[in-house]
Amino acid sequence: MSEDIIILMIGVSTFLGALGLLALLWGVKSGQFDDHSKFIDAARFDNEEDLRDAAMMDEKRKKRANRRKENKPYIPPD
């Protein structure tokens, strides 16, 4: 490759990297990444029924994976 092309590629990549860094710093400064209530809301709206549903879905996923390993067809429950 030509030396001019390599210099141009380095210059453009440095400019784009600096632009990304400035965008990140602007986002942090303006509070774009602040979510103080994320974990509080997750705990407040998480209930026992949701946990049981998640456990049931995980169990079904494991059964399907085992059936695929054994090459048995999936027969849905009645």
PDB file of N, CA and C in Angstrom:
ATOM      1  N   MET A   1       0.835  -1.183   0.000  1.00  0.00           N
ATOM      2  CA  MET A   1       0.000   0.000   0.000  1.00  0.00           C
ATOM      3  C   MET A   1       0.878   1.244   0.000  1.00  0.00           C
ATOM      4  N   SER A   2       0.263   2.285  -0.441  1.00  0.00           N
ATOM      5  CA  SER A   2       0.976   3.552  -0.493  1.00  0.00           C
ATOM      6  C   SER A   2       1.074   4.167   0.910  1.00  0.00           C
ATOM      7  N   GLU A   3       2.139   4.893   1.112  1.00  0.00           N
ATOM      8  CA  GLU A   3       2.355   5.540   2.405  1.00  0.00           C
ATOM      9  C   GLU A   3       1.273   6.574   2.692  1.00  0.00           C
ATOM     10  N   ASP A   4       0.780   7.234   1.653  1.00  0.00           N
ATOM     11  CA  ASP A   4      -0.260   8.252   1.824  1.00  0.00           C
ATOM     12  C   ASP A   4      -1.578   7.630   2.311  1.00  0.00           C
ATOM     13  N   ILE A   5      -1.890   6.458   1.814  1.00  0.00           N
ATOM     14  CA  ILE A   5      -3.135   5.786   2.213  1.00  0.00           C
ATOM     15  C   ILE A   5      -3.059   5.368   3.676  1.00  0.00           C
ATOM     16  N   ILE A   6      -1.924   4.851   4.098  1.00  0.00           N
ATOM     17  CA  ILE A   6      -1.761   4.433   5.489  1.00  0.00           C
ATOM     18  C   ILE A   6      -1.874   5.634   6.422  1.00  0.00           C
ATOM     19  N   ILE A   7      -1.255   6.757   6.053  1.00  0.00           N
ATOM     20  CA  ILE A   7      -1.355   7.963   6.864  1.00  0.00           C
ATOM     21  C   ILE A   7      -2.795   8.445   6.931  1.00  0.00           C
ATOM     22  N   LEU A   8      -3.496   8.390   5.811  1.00  0.00           N
ATOM     23  CA  LEU A   8      -4.912   8.784   5.791  1.00  0.00           C
ATOM     24  C   LEU A   8      -5.748   7.865   6.677  1.00  0.00           C
ATOM     25  N   MET A   9      -5.503   6.555   6.615  1.00  0.00           N
ATOM     26  CA  MET A   9      -6.265   5.606   7.437  1.00  0.00           C
ATOM     27  C   MET A   9      -6.007   5.835   8.921  1.00  0.00           C
ATOM     28  N   ILE A  10      -4.769   6.105   9.292  1.00  0.00           N
ATOM     29  CA  ILE A  10      -4.448   6.375  10.694  1.00  0.00           C
ATOM     30  C   ILE A  10      -5.121   7.663  11.154  1.00  0.00           C
ATOM     31  N   GLY A  11      -5.108   8.678  10.310  1.00  0.00           N
ATOM     32  CA  GLY A  11      -5.746   9.944  10.654  1.00  0.00           C
ATOM     33  C   GLY A  11      -7.255   9.818  10.827  1.00  0.00           C
ATOM     34  N   VAL A  12      -7.896   9.121   9.897  1.00  0.00           N
ATOM     35  CA  VAL A  12      -9.352   8.943   9.982  1.00  0.00           C
ATOM     36  C   VAL A  12      -9.723   8.106  11.203  1.00  0.00           C
ATOM     37  N   SER A  13      -8.971   7.037  11.466  1.00  0.00           N
ATOM     38  CA  SER A  13      -9.300   6.190  12.619  1.00  0.00           C
ATOM     39  C   SER A  13      -9.066   6.941  13.937  1.00  0.00           C
ATOM     40  N   THR A  14      -8.042   7.779  13.994  1.00  0.00           N
ATOM     41  CA  THR A  14      -7.809   8.582  15.191  1.00  0.00           C
ATOM     42  C   THR A  14      -8.937   9.586  15.393  1.00  0.00           C
ATOM     43  N   PHE A  15      -9.379  10.200  14.321  1.00  0.00           N
ATOM     44  CA  PHE A  15     -10.492  11.156  14.399  1.00  0.00           C
ATOM     45  C   PHE A  15     -11.771  10.466  14.868  1.00  0.00           C
ATOM     46  N   LEU A  16     -12.081   9.313  14.300  1.00  0.00           N
ATOM     47  CA  LEU A  16     -13.294   8.595  14.699  1.00  0.00           C
ATOM     48  C   LEU A  16     -13.208   8.114  16.151  1.00  0.00           C
ATOM     49  N   GLY A  17     -12.033   7.685  16.576  1.00  0.00           N
ATOM     50  CA  GLY A  17     -11.859   7.270  17.970  1.00  0.00           C
ATOM     51  C   GLY A  17     -12.052   8.437  18.925  1.00  0.00           C
ATOM     52  N   ALA A  18     -11.501   9.600  18.565  1.00  0.00           N
ATOM     53  CA  ALA A  18     -11.669  10.792  19.405  1.00  0.00           C
ATOM     54  C   ALA A  18     -13.131  11.222  19.440  1.00  0.00           C
ATOM     55  N   LEU A  19     -13.808  11.113  18.313  1.00  0.00           N
ATOM     56  CA  LEU A  19     -15.229  11.458  18.258  1.00  0.00           C
ATOM     57  C   LEU A  19     -16.043  10.529  19.160  1.00  0.00           C
ATOM     58  N   GLY A  20     -15.735   9.243  19.143  1.00  0.00           N
ATOM     59  CA  GLY A  20     -16.414   8.289  20.022  1.00  0.00           C
ATOM     60  C   GLY A  20     -16.144   8.566  21.487  1.00  0.00           C
ATOM     61  N   LEU A  21     -14.908   8.909  21.799  1.00  0.00           N
ATOM     62  CA  LEU A  21     -14.553   9.238  23.180  1.00  0.00           C
ATOM     63  C   LEU A  21     -15.288  10.489  23.651  1.00  0.00           C
ATOM     64  N   LEU A  22     -15.363  11.490  22.800  1.00  0.00           N
ATOM     65  CA  LEU A  22     -16.104  12.704  23.153  1.00  0.00           C
ATOM     66  C   LEU A  22     -17.591  12.408  23.364  1.00  0.00           C
ATOM     67  N   ALA A  23     -18.152  11.549  22.529  1.00  0.00           N
ATOM     68  CA  ALA A  23     -19.564  11.180  22.694  1.00  0.00           C
ATOM     69  C   ALA A  23     -19.777  10.446  24.010  1.00  0.00           C
ATOM     70  N   LEU A  24     -18.870   9.567  24.371  1.00  0.00           N
ATOM     71  CA  LEU A  24     -18.967   8.853  25.643  1.00  0.00           C
ATOM     72  C   LEU A  24     -18.867   9.818  26.819  1.00  0.00           C
ATOM     73  N   LEU A  25     -17.907  10.712  26.774  1.00  0.00           N
ATOM     74  CA  LEU A  25     -17.756  11.679  27.862  1.00  0.00           C
ATOM     75  C   LEU A  25     -18.973  12.587  27.973  1.00  0.00           C
ATOM     76  N   TRP A  26     -19.539  12.994  26.841  1.00  0.00           N
ATOM     77  CA  TRP A  26     -20.754  13.814  26.870  1.00  0.00           C
ATOM     78  C   TRP A  26     -21.904  13.035  27.508  1.00  0.00           C
ATOM     79  N   GLY A  27     -22.042  11.760  27.157  1.00  0.00           N
ATOM     80  CA  GLY A  27     -23.103  10.941  27.725  1.00  0.00           C
ATOM     81  C   GLY A  27     -22.976  10.766  29.223  1.00  0.00           C
ATOM     82  N   VAL A  28     -21.754  10.570  29.687  1.00  0.00           N
ATOM     83  CA  VAL A  28     -21.529  10.424  31.128  1.00  0.00           C
ATOM     84  C   VAL A  28     -21.818  11.733  31.844  1.00  0.00           C
ATOM     85  N   LYS A  29     -21.359  12.836  31.268  1.00  0.00           N
ATOM     86  CA  LYS A  29     -21.547  14.145  31.906  1.00  0.00           C
ATOM     87  C   LYS A  29     -23.022  14.548  31.944  1.00  0.00           C
ATOM     88  N   SER A  30     -23.777  14.198  30.901  1.00  0.00           N
ATOM     89  CA  SER A  30     -25.183  14.616  30.846  1.00  0.00           C
ATOM     90  C   SER A  30     -26.113  13.635  31.564  1.00  0.00           C
ATOM     91  N   GLY A  31     -25.570  12.547  32.117  1.00  0.00           N
ATOM     92  CA  GLY A  31     -26.390  11.628  32.900  1.00  0.00           C
ATOM     93  C   GLY A  31     -27.108  10.577  32.076  1.00  0.00           C
ATOM     94  N   GLN A  32     -26.640  10.289  30.881  1.00  0.00           N
ATOM     95  CA  GLN A  32     -27.297   9.297  30.035  1.00  0.00           C
ATOM     96  C   GLN A  32     -27.214   7.886  30.614  1.00  0.00           C
ATOM     97  N   PHE A  33     -26.204   7.621  31.417  1.00  0.00           N
ATOM     98  CA  PHE A  33     -25.998   6.275  31.939  1.00  0.00           C
ATOM     99  C   PHE A  33     -26.433   6.134  33.392  1.00  0.00           C
ATOM    100  N   ASP A  34     -27.020   7.165  33.964  1.00  0.00           N
ATOM    101  CA  ASP A  34     -27.472   7.109  35.350  1.00  0.00           C
ATOM    102  C   ASP A  34     -28.829   6.427  35.433  1.00  0.00           C
ATOM    103  N   ASP A  35     -28.915   5.386  36.210  1.00  0.00           N
ATOM    104  CA  ASP A  35     -30.176   4.680  36.427  1.00  0.00           C
ATOM    105  C   ASP A  35     -30.174   4.227  37.882  1.00  0.00           C
ATOM    106  N   HIS A  36     -30.461   5.163  38.767  1.00  0.00           N
ATOM    107  CA  HIS A  36     -30.364   4.886  40.196  1.00  0.00           C
ATOM    108  C   HIS A  36     -31.433   3.908  40.673  1.00  0.00           C
ATOM    109  N   SER A  37     -32.557   3.836  39.994  1.00  0.00           N
ATOM    110  CA  SER A  37     -33.654   3.003  40.479  1.00  0.00           C
ATOM    111  C   SER A  37     -33.717   1.649  39.793  1.00  0.00           C
ATOM    112  N   LYS A  38     -32.721   1.294  39.004  1.00  0.00           N
ATOM    113  CA  LYS A  38     -32.770   0.040  38.257  1.00  0.00           C
ATOM    114  C   LYS A  38     -32.895  -1.162  39.192  1.00  0.00           C
ATOM    115  N   PHE A  39     -32.017  -1.263  40.151  1.00  0.00           N
ATOM    116  CA  PHE A  39     -32.027  -2.436  41.024  1.00  0.00           C
ATOM    117  C   PHE A  39     -33.170  -2.383  42.026  1.00  0.00           C
ATOM    118  N   ILE A  40     -33.552  -1.197  42.440  1.00  0.00           N
ATOM    119  CA  ILE A  40     -34.672  -1.067  43.364  1.00  0.00           C
ATOM    120  C   ILE A  40     -35.968  -1.487  42.678  1.00  0.00           C
ATOM    121  N   ASP A  41     -36.173  -1.034  41.437  1.00  0.00           N
ATOM    122  CA  ASP A  41     -37.371  -1.423  40.695  1.00  0.00           C
ATOM    123  C   ASP A  41     -37.384  -2.919  40.408  1.00  0.00           C
ATOM    124  N   ALA A  42     -36.232  -3.495  40.126  1.00  0.00           N
ATOM    125  CA  ALA A  42     -36.167  -4.930  39.862  1.00  0.00           C
ATOM    126  C   ALA A  42     -36.575  -5.719  41.096  1.00  0.00           C
ATOM    127  N   ALA A  43     -36.144  -5.290  42.248  1.00  0.00           N
ATOM    128  CA  ALA A  43     -36.508  -5.990  43.483  1.00  0.00           C
ATOM    129  C   ALA A  43     -37.959  -5.730  43.863  1.00  0.00           C
ATOM    130  N   ARG A  44     -38.434  -4.529  43.602  1.00  0.00           N
ATOM    131  CA  ARG A  44     -39.793  -4.169  43.996  1.00  0.00           C
ATOM    132  C   ARG A  44     -40.832  -4.898  43.148  1.00  0.00           C
ATOM    133  N   PHE A  45     -40.590  -5.045  41.865  1.00  0.00           N
ATOM    134  CA  PHE A  45     -41.581  -5.638  40.980  1.00  0.00           C
ATOM    135  C   PHE A  45     -41.344  -7.122  40.722  1.00  0.00           C
ATOM    136  N   ASP A  46     -40.349  -7.700  41.343  1.00  0.00           N
ATOM    137  CA  ASP A  46     -40.085  -9.122  41.205  1.00  0.00           C
ATOM    138  C   ASP A  46     -40.884  -9.855  42.272  1.00  0.00           C
ATOM    139  N   ASN A  47     -41.713 -10.787  41.841  1.00  0.00           N
ATOM    140  CA  ASN A  47     -42.518 -11.505  42.835  1.00  0.00           C
ATOM    141  C   ASN A  47     -42.303 -13.005  42.693  1.00  0.00           C
ATOM    142  N   GLU A  48     -42.920 -13.740  43.567  1.00  0.00           N
ATOM    143  CA  GLU A  48     -42.714 -15.181  43.622  1.00  0.00           C
ATOM    144  C   GLU A  48     -43.226 -15.872  42.366  1.00  0.00           C
ATOM    145  N   GLU A  49     -44.317 -15.379  41.813  1.00  0.00           N
ATOM    146  CA  GLU A  49     -44.882 -15.997  40.608  1.00  0.00           C
ATOM    147  C   GLU A  49     -43.920 -15.868  39.427  1.00  0.00           C
ATOM    148  N   ASP A  50     -43.293 -14.715  39.276  1.00  0.00           N
ATOM    149  CA  ASP A  50     -42.319 -14.528  38.200  1.00  0.00           C
ATOM    150  C   ASP A  50     -41.127 -15.464  38.360  1.00  0.00           C
ATOM    151  N   LEU A  51     -40.700 -15.665  39.603  1.00  0.00           N
ATOM    152  CA  LEU A  51     -39.583 -16.571  39.843  1.00  0.00           C
ATOM    153  C   LEU A  51     -39.963 -18.015  39.509  1.00  0.00           C
ATOM    154  N   ARG A  52     -41.183 -18.419  39.856  1.00  0.00           N
ATOM    155  CA  ARG A  52     -41.631 -19.774  39.516  1.00  0.00           C
ATOM    156  C   ARG A  52     -41.720 -19.952  38.007  1.00  0.00           C
ATOM    157  N   ASP A  53     -42.228 -18.931  37.301  1.00  0.00           N
ATOM    158  CA  ASP A  53     -42.310 -19.000  35.841  1.00  0.00           C
ATOM    159  C   ASP A  53     -40.925 -19.133  35.219  1.00  0.00           C
ATOM    160  N   ALA A  54     -39.970 -18.386  35.742  1.00  0.00           N
ATOM    161  CA  ALA A  54     -38.608 -18.457  35.217  1.00  0.00           C
ATOM    162  C   ALA A  54     -38.006 -19.839  35.464  1.00  0.00           C
ATOM    163  N   ALA A  55     -38.253 -20.408  36.637  1.00  0.00           N
ATOM    164  CA  ALA A  55     -37.732 -21.743  36.943  1.00  0.00           C
ATOM    165  C   ALA A  55     -38.384 -22.788  36.042  1.00  0.00           C
ATOM    166  N   MET A  56     -39.687 -22.656  35.787  1.00  0.00           N
ATOM    167  CA  MET A  56     -40.390 -23.593  34.929  1.00  0.00           C
ATOM    168  C   MET A  56     -39.874 -23.512  33.492  1.00  0.00           C
ATOM    169  N   MET A  57     -39.633 -22.291  32.998  1.00  0.00           N
ATOM    170  CA  MET A  57     -39.113 -22.128  31.645  1.00  0.00           C
ATOM    171  C   MET A  57     -37.705 -22.713  31.537  1.00  0.00           C
ATOM    172  N   ASP A  58     -36.895 -22.556  32.567  1.00  0.00           N
ATOM    173  CA  ASP A  58     -35.551 -23.118  32.563  1.00  0.00           C
ATOM    174  C   ASP A  58     -35.603 -24.641  32.549  1.00  0.00           C
ATOM    175  N   GLU A  59     -36.534 -25.202  33.302  1.00  0.00           N
ATOM    176  CA  GLU A  59     -36.687 -26.659  33.325  1.00  0.00           C
ATOM    177  C   GLU A  59     -37.115 -27.181  31.960  1.00  0.00           C
ATOM    178  N   LYS A  60     -38.049 -26.493  31.309  1.00  0.00           N
ATOM    179  CA  LYS A  60     -38.483 -26.900  29.962  1.00  0.00           C
ATOM    180  C   LYS A  60     -37.324 -26.818  28.973  1.00  0.00           C
ATOM    181  N   ARG A  61     -36.518 -25.766  29.090  1.00  0.00           N
ATOM    182  CA  ARG A  61     -35.383 -25.596  28.184  1.00  0.00           C
ATOM    183  C   ARG A  61     -34.382 -26.735  28.354  1.00  0.00           C
ATOM    184  N   LYS A  62     -34.156 -27.148  29.599  1.00  0.00           N
ATOM    185  CA  LYS A  62     -33.229 -28.245  29.851  1.00  0.00           C
ATOM    186  C   LYS A  62     -33.770 -29.563  29.304  1.00  0.00           C
ATOM    187  N   LYS A  63     -35.083 -29.791  29.441  1.00  0.00           N
ATOM    188  CA  LYS A  63     -35.685 -31.016  28.912  1.00  0.00           C
ATOM    189  C   LYS A  63     -35.560 -31.080  27.399  1.00  0.00           C
ATOM    190  N   ARG A  64     -35.811 -29.929  26.731  1.00  0.00           N
ATOM    191  CA  ARG A  64     -35.678 -29.897  25.273  1.00  0.00           C
ATOM    192  C   ARG A  64     -34.242 -30.160  24.840  1.00  0.00           C
ATOM    193  N   ALA A  65     -33.284 -29.616  25.585  1.00  0.00           N
ATOM    194  CA  ALA A  65     -31.880 -29.839  25.246  1.00  0.00           C
ATOM    195  C   ALA A  65     -31.512 -31.310  25.413  1.00  0.00           C
ATOM    196  N   ASN A  66     -32.022 -31.946  26.465  1.00  0.00           N
ATOM    197  CA  ASN A  66     -31.748 -33.371  26.666  1.00  0.00           C
ATOM    198  C   ASN A  66     -32.385 -34.214  25.577  1.00  0.00           C
ATOM    199  N   ARG A  67     -33.596 -33.859  25.150  1.00  0.00           N
ATOM    200  CA  ARG A  67     -34.255 -34.605  24.073  1.00  0.00           C
ATOM    201  C   ARG A  67     -33.494 -34.457  22.762  1.00  0.00           C
ATOM    202  N   ARG A  68     -32.976 -33.286  22.511  1.00  0.00           N
ATOM    203  CA  ARG A  68     -32.200 -33.084  21.283  1.00  0.00           C
ATOM    204  C   ARG A  68     -30.939 -33.934  21.303  1.00  0.00           C
ATOM    205  N   LYS A  69     -30.315 -34.054  22.482  1.00  0.00           N
ATOM    206  CA  LYS A  69     -29.119 -34.873  22.590  1.00  0.00           C
ATOM    207  C   LYS A  69     -29.442 -36.336  22.341  1.00  0.00           C
ATOM    208  N   GLU A  70     -30.621 -36.769  22.790  1.00  0.00           N
ATOM    209  CA  GLU A  70     -31.020 -38.172  22.644  1.00  0.00           C
ATOM    210  C   GLU A  70     -31.733 -38.424  21.319  1.00  0.00           C
ATOM    211  N   ASN A  71     -31.966 -37.379  20.519  1.00  0.00           N
ATOM    212  CA  ASN A  71     -32.661 -37.470  19.234  1.00  0.00           C
ATOM    213  C   ASN A  71     -34.083 -37.993  19.372  1.00  0.00           C
ATOM    214  N   LYS A  72     -34.739 -37.661  20.456  1.00  0.00           N
ATOM    215  CA  LYS A  72     -36.134 -38.027  20.629  1.00  0.00           C
ATOM    216  C   LYS A  72     -37.000 -36.853  20.174  1.00  0.00           C
ATOM    217  N   PRO A  73     -38.110 -37.127  19.512  1.00  0.00           N
ATOM    218  CA  PRO A  73     -38.983 -36.023  19.089  1.00  0.00           C
ATOM    219  C   PRO A  73     -39.652 -35.380  20.299  1.00  0.00           C
ATOM    220  N   TYR A  74     -39.911 -34.113  20.184  1.00  0.00           N
ATOM    221  CA  TYR A  74     -40.556 -33.365  21.257  1.00  0.00           C
ATOM    222  C   TYR A  74     -42.055 -33.604  21.201  1.00  0.00           C
ATOM    223  N   ILE A  75     -42.628 -34.065  22.302  1.00  0.00           N
ATOM    224  CA  ILE A  75     -44.072 -34.276  22.412  1.00  0.00           C
ATOM    225  C   ILE A  75     -44.565 -33.327  23.480  1.00  0.00           C
ATOM    226  N   PRO A  76     -45.340 -32.304  23.072  1.00  0.00           N
ATOM    227  CA  PRO A  76     -45.805 -31.329  24.059  1.00  0.00           C
ATOM    228  C   PRO A  76     -46.776 -31.966  25.037  1.00  0.00           C
ATOM    229  N   PRO A  77     -46.779 -31.490  26.288  1.00  0.00           N
ATOM    230  CA  PRO A  77     -47.705 -32.057  27.276  1.00  0.00           C
ATOM    231  C   PRO A  77     -49.132 -31.636  26.960  1.00  0.00           C
ATOM    232  N   ASP A  78     -50.069 -32.437  27.417  1.00  0.00           N
ATOM    233  CA  ASP A  78     -51.501 -32.156  27.151  1.00  0.00           C
ATOM    234  C   ASP A  78     -51.985 -31.016  27.992  1.00  0.00           C
TER     235      ASP A  78
END
